[in-house]
PDB file of N, CA and C in Angstrom:
ATOM      1  N   MET A   1      68.021  54.394  68.091  1.00  0.00           N
ATOM      2  CA  MET A   1      66.634  54.433  68.489  1.00  0.00           C
ATOM      3  C   MET A   1      66.380  55.794  69.121  1.00  0.00           C
ATOM      4  N   THR A   2      65.308  56.413  68.697  1.00  0.00           N
ATOM      5  CA  THR A   2      65.008  57.742  69.202  1.00  0.00           C
ATOM      6  C   THR A   2      63.706  57.739  69.991  1.00  0.00           C
ATOM      7  N   GLN A   3      63.505  58.809  70.697  1.00  0.00           N
ATOM      8  CA  GLN A   3      62.281  58.979  71.479  1.00  0.00           C
ATOM      9  C   GLN A   3      61.057  58.960  70.562  1.00  0.00           C
ATOM     10  N   ASP A   4      61.208  59.517  69.371  1.00  0.00           N
ATOM     11  CA  ASP A   4      60.100  59.572  68.416  1.00  0.00           C
ATOM     12  C   ASP A   4      59.655  58.172  68.000  1.00  0.00           C
ATOM     13  N   VAL A   5      60.607  57.281  67.779  1.00  0.00           N
ATOM     14  CA  VAL A   5      60.288  55.897  67.388  1.00  0.00           C
ATOM     15  C   VAL A   5      59.498  55.218  68.507  1.00  0.00           C
ATOM     16  N   ILE A   6      59.933  55.407  69.726  1.00  0.00           N
ATOM     17  CA  ILE A   6      59.258  54.780  70.861  1.00  0.00           C
ATOM     18  C   ILE A   6      57.873  55.387  71.068  1.00  0.00           C
ATOM     19  N   ASP A   7      57.766  56.706  70.892  1.00  0.00           N
ATOM     20  CA  ASP A   7      56.452  57.356  71.022  1.00  0.00           C
ATOM     21  C   ASP A   7      55.467  56.840  69.979  1.00  0.00           C
ATOM     22  N   ARG A   8      55.938  56.605  68.750  1.00  0.00           N
ATOM     23  CA  ARG A   8      55.057  56.050  67.713  1.00  0.00           C
ATOM     24  C   ARG A   8      54.637  54.629  68.069  1.00  0.00           C
ATOM     25  N   LEU A   9      55.560  53.844  68.627  1.00  0.00           N
ATOM     26  CA  LEU A   9      55.226  52.481  69.051  1.00  0.00           C
ATOM     27  C   LEU A   9      54.192  52.509  70.168  1.00  0.00           C
ATOM     28  N   ILE A  10      54.361  53.387  71.123  1.00  0.00           N
ATOM     29  CA  ILE A  10      53.396  53.497  72.222  1.00  0.00           C
ATOM     30  C   ILE A  10      52.038  53.933  71.694  1.00  0.00           C
ATOM     31  N   GLY A  11      52.028  54.920  70.819  1.00  0.00           N
ATOM     32  CA  GLY A  11      50.765  55.394  70.260  1.00  0.00           C
ATOM     33  C   GLY A  11      50.035  54.322  69.461  1.00  0.00           C
ATOM     34  N   SER A  12      50.768  53.598  68.630  1.00  0.00           N
ATOM     35  CA  SER A  12      50.116  52.547  67.840  1.00  0.00           C
ATOM     36  C   SER A  12      49.696  51.371  68.724  1.00  0.00           C
ATOM     37  N   SER A  13      50.442  51.100  69.782  1.00  0.00           N
ATOM     38  CA  SER A  13      50.051  50.035  70.719  1.00  0.00           C
ATOM     39  C   SER A  13      48.775  50.413  71.450  1.00  0.00           C
ATOM     40  N   GLU A  14      48.680  51.659  71.887  1.00  0.00           N
ATOM     41  CA  GLU A  14      47.470  52.104  72.569  1.00  0.00           C
ATOM     42  C   GLU A  14      46.266  52.062  71.634  1.00  0.00           C
ATOM     43  N   ALA A  15      46.471  52.433  70.379  1.00  0.00           N
ATOM     44  CA  ALA A  15      45.375  52.374  69.397  1.00  0.00           C
ATOM     45  C   ALA A  15      44.948  50.932  69.148  1.00  0.00           C
ATOM     46  N   LEU A  16      45.913  50.018  69.082  1.00  0.00           N
ATOM     47  CA  LEU A  16      45.592  48.598  68.885  1.00  0.00           C
ATOM     48  C   LEU A  16      44.813  48.051  70.068  1.00  0.00           C
ATOM     49  N   ILE A  17      45.243  48.383  71.278  1.00  0.00           N
ATOM     50  CA  ILE A  17      44.545  47.912  72.475  1.00  0.00           C
ATOM     51  C   ILE A  17      43.113  48.448  72.513  1.00  0.00           C
ATOM     52  N   ALA A  18      42.939  49.716  72.168  1.00  0.00           N
ATOM     53  CA  ALA A  18      41.585  50.295  72.146  1.00  0.00           C
ATOM     54  C   ALA A  18      40.710  49.579  71.119  1.00  0.00           C
ATOM     55  N   ALA A  19      41.267  49.272  69.962  1.00  0.00           N
ATOM     56  CA  ALA A  19      40.504  48.571  68.927  1.00  0.00           C
ATOM     57  C   ALA A  19      40.163  47.150  69.372  1.00  0.00           C
ATOM     58  N   LEU A  20      41.114  46.482  70.029  1.00  0.00           N
ATOM     59  CA  LEU A  20      40.854  45.124  70.524  1.00  0.00           C
ATOM     60  C   LEU A  20      39.782  45.140  71.602  1.00  0.00           C
ATOM     61  N   ASP A  21      39.860  46.103  72.520  1.00  0.00           N
ATOM     62  CA  ASP A  21      38.871  46.191  73.588  1.00  0.00           C
ATOM     63  C   ASP A  21      37.475  46.491  73.044  1.00  0.00           C
ATOM     64  N   ALA A  22      37.419  47.242  71.948  1.00  0.00           N
ATOM     65  CA  ALA A  22      36.127  47.580  71.348  1.00  0.00           C
ATOM     66  C   ALA A  22      35.614  46.475  70.435  1.00  0.00           C
ATOM     67  N   HIS A  23      36.421  45.445  70.195  1.00  0.00           N
ATOM     68  CA  HIS A  23      36.062  44.358  69.276  1.00  0.00           C
ATOM     69  C   HIS A  23      35.710  44.916  67.897  1.00  0.00           C
ATOM     70  N   ASP A  24      36.430  45.943  67.484  1.00  0.00           N
ATOM     71  CA  ASP A  24      36.178  46.630  66.216  1.00  0.00           C
ATOM     72  C   ASP A  24      37.176  46.126  65.174  1.00  0.00           C
ATOM     73  N   VAL A  25      36.732  45.208  64.340  1.00  0.00           N
ATOM     74  CA  VAL A  25      37.604  44.572  63.354  1.00  0.00           C
ATOM     75  C   VAL A  25      38.167  45.598  62.374  1.00  0.00           C
ATOM     76  N   ASP A  26      37.335  46.537  61.941  1.00  0.00           N
ATOM     77  CA  ASP A  26      37.812  47.557  61.007  1.00  0.00           C
ATOM     78  C   ASP A  26      38.915  48.409  61.638  1.00  0.00           C
ATOM     79  N   ALA A  27      38.742  48.771  62.897  1.00  0.00           N
ATOM     80  CA  ALA A  27      39.766  49.564  63.580  1.00  0.00           C
ATOM     81  C   ALA A  27      41.052  48.760  63.781  1.00  0.00           C
ATOM     82  N   ILE A  28      40.911  47.475  64.069  1.00  0.00           N
ATOM     83  CA  ILE A  28      42.088  46.612  64.236  1.00  0.00           C
ATOM     84  C   ILE A  28      42.866  46.546  62.923  1.00  0.00           C
ATOM     85  N   GLU A  29      42.148  46.325  61.828  1.00  0.00           N
ATOM     86  CA  GLU A  29      42.810  46.257  60.523  1.00  0.00           C
ATOM     87  C   GLU A  29      43.436  47.597  60.146  1.00  0.00           C
ATOM     88  N   ALA A  30      42.827  48.693  60.556  1.00  0.00           N
ATOM     89  CA  ALA A  30      43.366  50.009  60.224  1.00  0.00           C
ATOM     90  C   ALA A  30      44.634  50.318  60.999  1.00  0.00           C
ATOM     91  N   VAL A  31      44.739  49.855  62.233  1.00  0.00           N
ATOM     92  CA  VAL A  31      45.893  50.205  63.067  1.00  0.00           C
ATOM     93  C   VAL A  31      47.070  49.236  62.879  1.00  0.00           C
ATOM     94  N   LEU A  32      46.831  48.050  62.364  1.00  0.00           N
ATOM     95  CA  LEU A  32      47.913  47.074  62.232  1.00  0.00           C
ATOM     96  C   LEU A  32      49.084  47.537  61.358  1.00  0.00           C
ATOM     97  N   PRO A  33      48.859  48.191  60.221  1.00  0.00           N
ATOM     98  CA  PRO A  33      50.021  48.658  59.442  1.00  0.00           C
ATOM     99  C   PRO A  33      50.893  49.658  60.208  1.00  0.00           C
ATOM    100  N   ALA A  34      50.280  50.574  60.933  1.00  0.00           N
ATOM    101  CA  ALA A  34      51.050  51.544  61.716  1.00  0.00           C
ATOM    102  C   ALA A  34      51.800  50.845  62.845  1.00  0.00           C
ATOM    103  N   PHE A  35      51.158  49.868  63.456  1.00  0.00           N
ATOM    104  CA  PHE A  35      51.818  49.108  64.522  1.00  0.00           C
ATOM    105  C   PHE A  35      53.009  48.332  63.968  1.00  0.00           C
ATOM    106  N   GLY A  36      52.809  47.665  62.828  1.00  0.00           N
ATOM    107  CA  GLY A  36      53.904  46.913  62.201  1.00  0.00           C
ATOM    108  C   GLY A  36      55.066  47.808  61.809  1.00  0.00           C
ATOM    109  N   LYS A  37      54.766  48.985  61.283  1.00  0.00           N
ATOM    110  CA  LYS A  37      55.824  49.917  60.902  1.00  0.00           C
ATOM    111  C   LYS A  37      56.577  50.419  62.119  1.00  0.00           C
ATOM    112  N   SER A  38      55.861  50.675  63.207  1.00  0.00           N
ATOM    113  CA  SER A  38      56.541  51.153  64.409  1.00  0.00           C
ATOM    114  C   SER A  38      57.450  50.078  64.998  1.00  0.00           C
ATOM    115  N   VAL A  39      57.038  48.812  64.908  1.00  0.00           N
ATOM    116  CA  VAL A  39      57.900  47.719  65.374  1.00  0.00           C
ATOM    117  C   VAL A  39      59.122  47.596  64.464  1.00  0.00           C
ATOM    118  N   ALA A  40      58.919  47.693  63.154  1.00  0.00           N
ATOM    119  CA  ALA A  40      60.045  47.627  62.215  1.00  0.00           C
ATOM    120  C   ALA A  40      61.011  48.783  62.425  1.00  0.00           C
ATOM    121  N   ASP A  41      60.489  49.970  62.683  1.00  0.00           N
ATOM    122  CA  ASP A  41      61.349  51.123  62.957  1.00  0.00           C
ATOM    123  C   ASP A  41      62.150  50.922  64.228  1.00  0.00           C
ATOM    124  N   LEU A  42      61.582  50.229  65.188  1.00  0.00           N
ATOM    125  CA  LEU A  42      62.275  49.956  66.445  1.00  0.00           C
ATOM    126  C   LEU A  42      63.468  49.032  66.213  1.00  0.00           C
ATOM    127  N   LYS A  43      63.324  48.118  65.249  1.00  0.00           N
ATOM    128  CA  LYS A  43      64.395  47.164  64.967  1.00  0.00           C
ATOM    129  C   LYS A  43      65.551  47.791  64.200  1.00  0.00           C
ATOM    130  N   SER A  44      65.292  48.852  63.461  1.00  0.00           N
ATOM    131  CA  SER A  44      66.358  49.450  62.651  1.00  0.00           C
ATOM    132  C   SER A  44      67.312  50.225  63.549  1.00  0.00           C
ATOM    133  N   PRO A  45      68.615  50.138  63.238  1.00  0.00           N
ATOM    134  CA  PRO A  45      69.587  50.833  64.080  1.00  0.00           C
ATOM    135  C   PRO A  45      69.427  52.338  63.951  1.00  0.00           C
ATOM    136  N   GLY A  46      69.595  53.009  65.038  1.00  0.00           N
ATOM    137  CA  GLY A  46      69.480  54.467  65.041  1.00  0.00           C
ATOM    138  C   GLY A  46      70.750  55.082  65.578  1.00  0.00           C
ATOM    139  N   GLY A  47      70.950  56.302  65.251  1.00  0.00           N
ATOM    140  CA  GLY A  47      72.136  56.986  65.736  1.00  0.00           C
ATOM    141  C   GLY A  47      71.810  57.870  66.916  1.00  0.00           C
ATOM    142  N   GLY A  48      72.825  58.412  67.484  1.00  0.00           N
ATOM    143  CA  GLY A  48      72.644  59.339  68.585  1.00  0.00           C
ATOM    144  C   GLY A  48      72.665  58.656  69.930  1.00  0.00           C
ATOM    145  N   LEU A  49      72.702  59.476  70.936  1.00  0.00           N
ATOM    146  CA  LEU A  49      72.722  58.980  72.301  1.00  0.00           C
ATOM    147  C   LEU A  49      71.300  58.870  72.830  1.00  0.00           C
ATOM    148  N   PRO A  50      71.047  57.851  73.631  1.00  0.00           N
ATOM    149  CA  PRO A  50      69.701  57.712  74.185  1.00  0.00           C
ATOM    150  C   PRO A  50      69.402  58.837  75.182  1.00  0.00           C
ATOM    151  N   SER A  51      68.164  59.262  75.211  1.00  0.00           N
ATOM    152  CA  SER A  51      67.773  60.309  76.157  1.00  0.00           C
ATOM    153  C   SER A  51      67.571  59.689  77.536  1.00  0.00           C
ATOM    154  N   PRO A  52      67.583  60.518  78.582  1.00  0.00           N
ATOM    155  CA  PRO A  52      67.459  59.978  79.944  1.00  0.00           C
ATOM    156  C   PRO A  52      66.155  59.220  80.203  1.00  0.00           C
ATOM    157  N   GLY A  53      65.072  59.642  79.578  1.00  0.00           N
ATOM    158  CA  GLY A  53      63.793  58.980  79.821  1.00  0.00           C
ATOM    159  C   GLY A  53      63.508  57.804  78.907  1.00  0.00           C
ATOM    160  N   LEU A  54      64.509  57.403  78.123  1.00  0.00           N
ATOM    161  CA  LEU A  54      64.298  56.352  77.130  1.00  0.00           C
ATOM    162  C   LEU A  54      63.924  55.019  77.759  1.00  0.00           C
ATOM    163  N   LYS A  55      64.579  54.635  78.855  1.00  0.00           N
ATOM    164  CA  LYS A  55      64.284  53.349  79.480  1.00  0.00           C
ATOM    165  C   LYS A  55      62.855  53.299  79.987  1.00  0.00           C
ATOM    166  N   ALA A  56      62.380  54.378  80.571  1.00  0.00           N
ATOM    167  CA  ALA A  56      61.001  54.413  81.062  1.00  0.00           C
ATOM    168  C   ALA A  56      60.013  54.288  79.910  1.00  0.00           C
ATOM    169  N   ARG A  57      60.287  54.946  78.794  1.00  0.00           N
ATOM    170  CA  ARG A  57      59.413  54.857  77.621  1.00  0.00           C
ATOM    171  C   ARG A  57      59.435  53.444  77.037  1.00  0.00           C
ATOM    172  N   LEU A  58      60.616  52.827  77.009  1.00  0.00           N
ATOM    173  CA  LEU A  58      60.719  51.446  76.517  1.00  0.00           C
ATOM    174  C   LEU A  58      59.941  50.494  77.414  1.00  0.00           C
ATOM    175  N   ASP A  59      60.042  50.689  78.726  1.00  0.00           N
ATOM    176  CA  ASP A  59      59.286  49.849  79.658  1.00  0.00           C
ATOM    177  C   ASP A  59      57.787  49.986  79.410  1.00  0.00           C
ATOM    178  N   LYS A  60      57.327  51.213  79.162  1.00  0.00           N
ATOM    179  CA  LYS A  60      55.902  51.424  78.875  1.00  0.00           C
ATOM    180  C   LYS A  60      55.508  50.738  77.575  1.00  0.00           C
ATOM    181  N   ALA A  61      56.364  50.851  76.545  1.00  0.00           N
ATOM    182  CA  ALA A  61      56.074  50.211  75.260  1.00  0.00           C
ATOM    183  C   ALA A  61      55.990  48.695  75.420  1.00  0.00           C
ATOM    184  N   LEU A  62      56.887  48.106  76.209  1.00  0.00           N
ATOM    185  CA  LEU A  62      56.862  46.658  76.429  1.00  0.00           C
ATOM    186  C   LEU A  62      55.611  46.246  77.198  1.00  0.00           C
ATOM    187  N   ALA A  63      55.203  47.036  78.173  1.00  0.00           N
ATOM    188  CA  ALA A  63      53.991  46.720  78.932  1.00  0.00           C
ATOM    189  C   ALA A  63      52.761  46.769  78.031  1.00  0.00           C
ATOM    190  N   LEU A  64      52.708  47.757  77.142  1.00  0.00           N
ATOM    191  CA  LEU A  64      51.580  47.847  76.213  1.00  0.00           C
ATOM    192  C   LEU A  64      51.576  46.676  75.236  1.00  0.00           C
ATOM    193  N   ALA A  65      52.750  46.289  74.755  1.00  0.00           N
ATOM    194  CA  ALA A  65      52.834  45.146  73.849  1.00  0.00           C
ATOM    195  C   ALA A  65      52.354  43.872  74.538  1.00  0.00           C
ATOM    196  N   ASP A  66      52.714  43.722  75.811  1.00  0.00           N
ATOM    197  CA  ASP A  66      52.266  42.549  76.556  1.00  0.00           C
ATOM    198  C   ASP A  66      50.759  42.586  76.778  1.00  0.00           C
ATOM    199  N   ALA A  67      50.199  43.765  77.021  1.00  0.00           N
ATOM    200  CA  ALA A  67      48.752  43.898  77.196  1.00  0.00           C
ATOM    201  C   ALA A  67      48.022  43.539  75.907  1.00  0.00           C
ATOM    202  N   ALA A  68      48.544  43.985  74.786  1.00  0.00           N
ATOM    203  CA  ALA A  68      47.926  43.650  73.496  1.00  0.00           C
ATOM    204  C   ALA A  68      48.014  42.148  73.236  1.00  0.00           C
ATOM    205  N   ARG A  69      49.158  41.550  73.540  1.00  0.00           N
ATOM    206  CA  ARG A  69      49.339  40.109  73.350  1.00  0.00           C
ATOM    207  C   ARG A  69      48.331  39.322  74.183  1.00  0.00           C
ATOM    208  N   ALA A  70      48.132  39.719  75.427  1.00  0.00           N
ATOM    209  CA  ALA A  70      47.186  39.015  76.296  1.00  0.00           C
ATOM    210  C   ALA A  70      45.763  39.118  75.751  1.00  0.00           C
ATOM    211  N   ARG A  71      45.395  40.278  75.230  1.00  0.00           N
ATOM    212  CA  ARG A  71      44.054  40.453  74.669  1.00  0.00           C
ATOM    213  C   ARG A  71      43.851  39.581  73.436  1.00  0.00           C
ATOM    214  N   VAL A  72      44.856  39.528  72.579  1.00  0.00           N
ATOM    215  CA  VAL A  72      44.750  38.714  71.367  1.00  0.00           C
ATOM    216  C   VAL A  72      44.612  37.238  71.726  1.00  0.00           C
ATOM    217  N   ARG A  73      45.399  36.776  72.685  1.00  0.00           N
ATOM    218  CA  ARG A  73      45.314  35.366  73.082  1.00  0.00           C
ATOM    219  C   ARG A  73      43.957  35.049  73.696  1.00  0.00           C
ATOM    220  N   TYR A  74      43.448  35.957  74.523  1.00  0.00           N
ATOM    221  CA  TYR A  74      42.133  35.758  75.131  1.00  0.00           C
ATOM    222  C   TYR A  74      41.049  35.686  74.056  1.00  0.00           C
ATOM    223  N   MET A  75      41.097  36.626  73.118  1.00  0.00           N
ATOM    224  CA  MET A  75      40.082  36.643  72.062  1.00  0.00           C
ATOM    225  C   MET A  75      40.178  35.395  71.191  1.00  0.00           C
ATOM    226  N   ALA A  76      41.382  34.911  70.925  1.00  0.00           N
ATOM    227  CA  ALA A  76      41.548  33.696  70.137  1.00  0.00           C
ATOM    228  C   ALA A  76      40.972  32.485  70.880  1.00  0.00           C
ATOM    229  N   ASP A  77      41.214  32.411  72.198  1.00  0.00           N
ATOM    230  CA  ASP A  77      40.661  31.320  72.990  1.00  0.00           C
ATOM    231  C   ASP A  77      39.137  31.350  73.005  1.00  0.00           C
ATOM    232  N   ARG A  78      38.565  32.535  73.186  1.00  0.00           N
ATOM    233  CA  ARG A  78      37.105  32.671  73.196  1.00  0.00           C
ATOM    234  C   ARG A  78      36.507  32.283  71.852  1.00  0.00           C
ATOM    235  N   THR A  79      37.154  32.685  70.784  1.00  0.00           N
ATOM    236  CA  THR A  79      36.665  32.337  69.449  1.00  0.00           C
ATOM    237  C   THR A  79      36.699  30.833  69.244  1.00  0.00           C
ATOM    238  N   GLN A  80      37.789  30.193  69.661  1.00  0.00           N
ATOM    239  CA  GLN A  80      37.884  28.746  69.520  1.00  0.00           C
ATOM    240  C   GLN A  80      36.817  28.045  70.350  1.00  0.00           C
ATOM    241  N   GLN A  81      36.538  28.548  71.542  1.00  0.00           N
ATOM    242  CA  GLN A  81      35.472  27.964  72.363  1.00  0.00           C
ATOM    243  C   GLN A  81      34.125  28.069  71.650  1.00  0.00           C
ATOM    244  N   ARG A  82      33.853  29.199  71.052  1.00  0.00           N
ATOM    245  CA  ARG A  82      32.581  29.379  70.348  1.00  0.00           C
ATOM    246  C   ARG A  82      32.475  28.449  69.146  1.00  0.00           C
ATOM    247  N   ILE A  83      33.563  28.306  68.412  1.00  0.00           N
ATOM    248  CA  ILE A  83      33.570  27.389  67.268  1.00  0.00           C
ATOM    249  C   ILE A  83      33.298  25.974  67.734  1.00  0.00           C
ATOM    250  N   ASP A  84      33.946  25.577  68.821  1.00  0.00           N
ATOM    251  CA  ASP A  84      33.748  24.231  69.352  1.00  0.00           C
ATOM    252  C   ASP A  84      32.306  24.019  69.810  1.00  0.00           C
ATOM    253  N   MET A  85      31.716  25.027  70.467  1.00  0.00           N
ATOM    254  CA  MET A  85      30.325  24.890  70.922  1.00  0.00           C
ATOM    255  C   MET A  85      29.366  24.809  69.735  1.00  0.00           C
ATOM    256  N   LEU A  86      29.607  25.589  68.699  1.00  0.00           N
ATOM    257  CA  LEU A  86      28.760  25.516  67.505  1.00  0.00           C
ATOM    258  C   LEU A  86      28.886  24.167  66.818  1.00  0.00           C
ATOM    259  N   ALA A  87      30.099  23.658  66.747  1.00  0.00           N
ATOM    260  CA  ALA A  87      30.303  22.347  66.124  1.00  0.00           C
ATOM    261  C   ALA A  87      29.603  21.258  66.934  1.00  0.00           C
ATOM    262  N   GLN A  88      29.692  21.373  68.253  1.00  0.00           N
ATOM    263  CA  GLN A  88      29.031  20.388  69.100  1.00  0.00           C
ATOM    264  C   GLN A  88      27.506  20.486  68.949  1.00  0.00           C
ATOM    265  N   ALA A  89      26.983  21.693  68.884  1.00  0.00           N
ATOM    266  CA  ALA A  89      25.540  21.872  68.718  1.00  0.00           C
ATOM    267  C   ALA A  89      25.060  21.325  67.373  1.00  0.00           C
ATOM    268  N   ALA A  90      25.930  21.363  66.383  1.00  0.00           N
ATOM    269  CA  ALA A  90      25.581  20.846  65.054  1.00  0.00           C
ATOM    270  C   ALA A  90      25.825  19.347  64.953  1.00  0.00           C
ATOM    271  N   GLY A  91      26.318  18.753  66.045  1.00  0.00           N
ATOM    272  CA  GLY A  91      26.571  17.318  66.030  1.00  0.00           C
ATOM    273  C   GLY A  91      27.843  16.935  65.302  1.00  0.00           C
ATOM    274  N   ARG A  92      28.732  17.866  65.137  1.00  0.00           N
ATOM    275  CA  ARG A  92      29.999  17.608  64.440  1.00  0.00           C
ATOM    276  C   ARG A  92      31.096  17.279  65.445  1.00  0.00           C
ATOM    277  N   PHE A  93      30.990  16.104  66.068  1.00  0.00           N
ATOM    278  CA  PHE A  93      31.974  15.696  67.060  1.00  0.00           C
ATOM    279  C   PHE A  93      33.290  15.278  66.427  1.00  0.00           C
ATOM    280  N   ASP A  94      33.293  15.144  65.096  1.00  0.00           N
ATOM    281  CA  ASP A  94      34.515  14.760  64.398  1.00  0.00           C
ATOM    282  C   ASP A  94      35.484  15.943  64.245  1.00  0.00           C
ATOM    283  N   CYS A  95      35.004  17.153  64.407  1.00  0.00           N
ATOM    284  CA  CYS A  95      35.882  18.297  64.168  1.00  0.00           C
ATOM    285  C   CYS A  95      36.092  19.151  65.404  1.00  0.00           C
ATOM    286  N   THR A  96      35.677  18.686  66.559  1.00  0.00           N
ATOM    287  CA  THR A  96      35.867  19.464  67.773  1.00  0.00           C
ATOM    288  C   THR A  96      36.143  18.531  68.948  1.00  0.00           C
ATOM    289  N   PRO A  97      36.941  18.993  69.886  1.00  0.00           N
ATOM    290  CA  PRO A  97      37.167  18.162  71.068  1.00  0.00           C
ATOM    291  C   PRO A  97      35.929  18.146  71.962  1.00  0.00           C
ATOM    292  N   ALA A  98      35.769  17.085  72.737  1.00  0.00           N
ATOM    293  CA  ALA A  98      34.619  16.980  73.621  1.00  0.00           C
ATOM    294  C   ALA A  98      34.730  17.957  74.776  1.00  0.00           C
ATOM    295  N   THR A  99      35.930  18.289  75.169  1.00  0.00           N
ATOM    296  CA  THR A  99      36.158  19.270  76.219  1.00  0.00           C
ATOM    297  C   THR A  99      37.125  20.315  75.705  1.00  0.00           C
ATOM    298  N   TYR A 100      37.055  21.472  76.301  1.00  0.00           N
ATOM    299  CA  TYR A 100      37.931  22.566  75.875  1.00  0.00           C
ATOM    300  C   TYR A 100      39.269  22.433  76.546  1.00  0.00           C
ATOM    301  N   GLY A 101      40.317  22.610  75.770  1.00  0.00           N
ATOM    302  CA  GLY A 101      41.674  22.637  76.301  1.00  0.00           C
ATOM    303  C   GLY A 101      42.555  23.454  75.411  1.00  0.00           C
ATOM    304  N   ARG A 102      43.571  24.056  75.973  1.00  0.00           N
ATOM    305  CA  ARG A 102      44.486  24.862  75.181  1.00  0.00           C
ATOM    306  C   ARG A 102      45.589  23.978  74.647  1.00  0.00           C
ATOM    307  N   PRO A 103      45.775  23.969  73.319  1.00  0.00           N
ATOM    308  CA  PRO A 103      46.816  23.128  72.736  1.00  0.00           C
ATOM    309  C   PRO A 103      48.201  23.529  73.243  1.00  0.00           C
ATOM    310  N   GLY A 104      49.029  22.540  73.454  1.00  0.00           N
ATOM    311  CA  GLY A 104      50.416  22.797  73.844  1.00  0.00           C
ATOM    312  C   GLY A 104      50.588  23.037  75.338  1.00  0.00           C
ATOM    313  N   ARG A 105      49.549  22.858  76.095  1.00  0.00           N
ATOM    314  CA  ARG A 105      49.680  23.093  77.545  1.00  0.00           C
ATOM    315  C   ARG A 105      49.274  21.883  78.312  1.00  0.00           C
TER     316      ARG A 105
END
């Protein structure tokens, strides 16, 4: 694993977070391939010795990944709430719960 691989992961994570915060679907779709490639590159074995600042860069990459994950989960919950409210407004009580709850919790 090299510094370059981690820098690409950080850059693509920051771009994904910016796209998620902007609610820009086109930007999200555009950045996902680069993000996926950077994650795949991280998984592949690399040669050489790690640089001294590698742990700090990895910590930053993990924090950004967690921030992106939290945004995606929040947006998914909000979308499900809106779907449920629309179904309730349409009188479709057969396809939505009467109260909002997160599955599996």
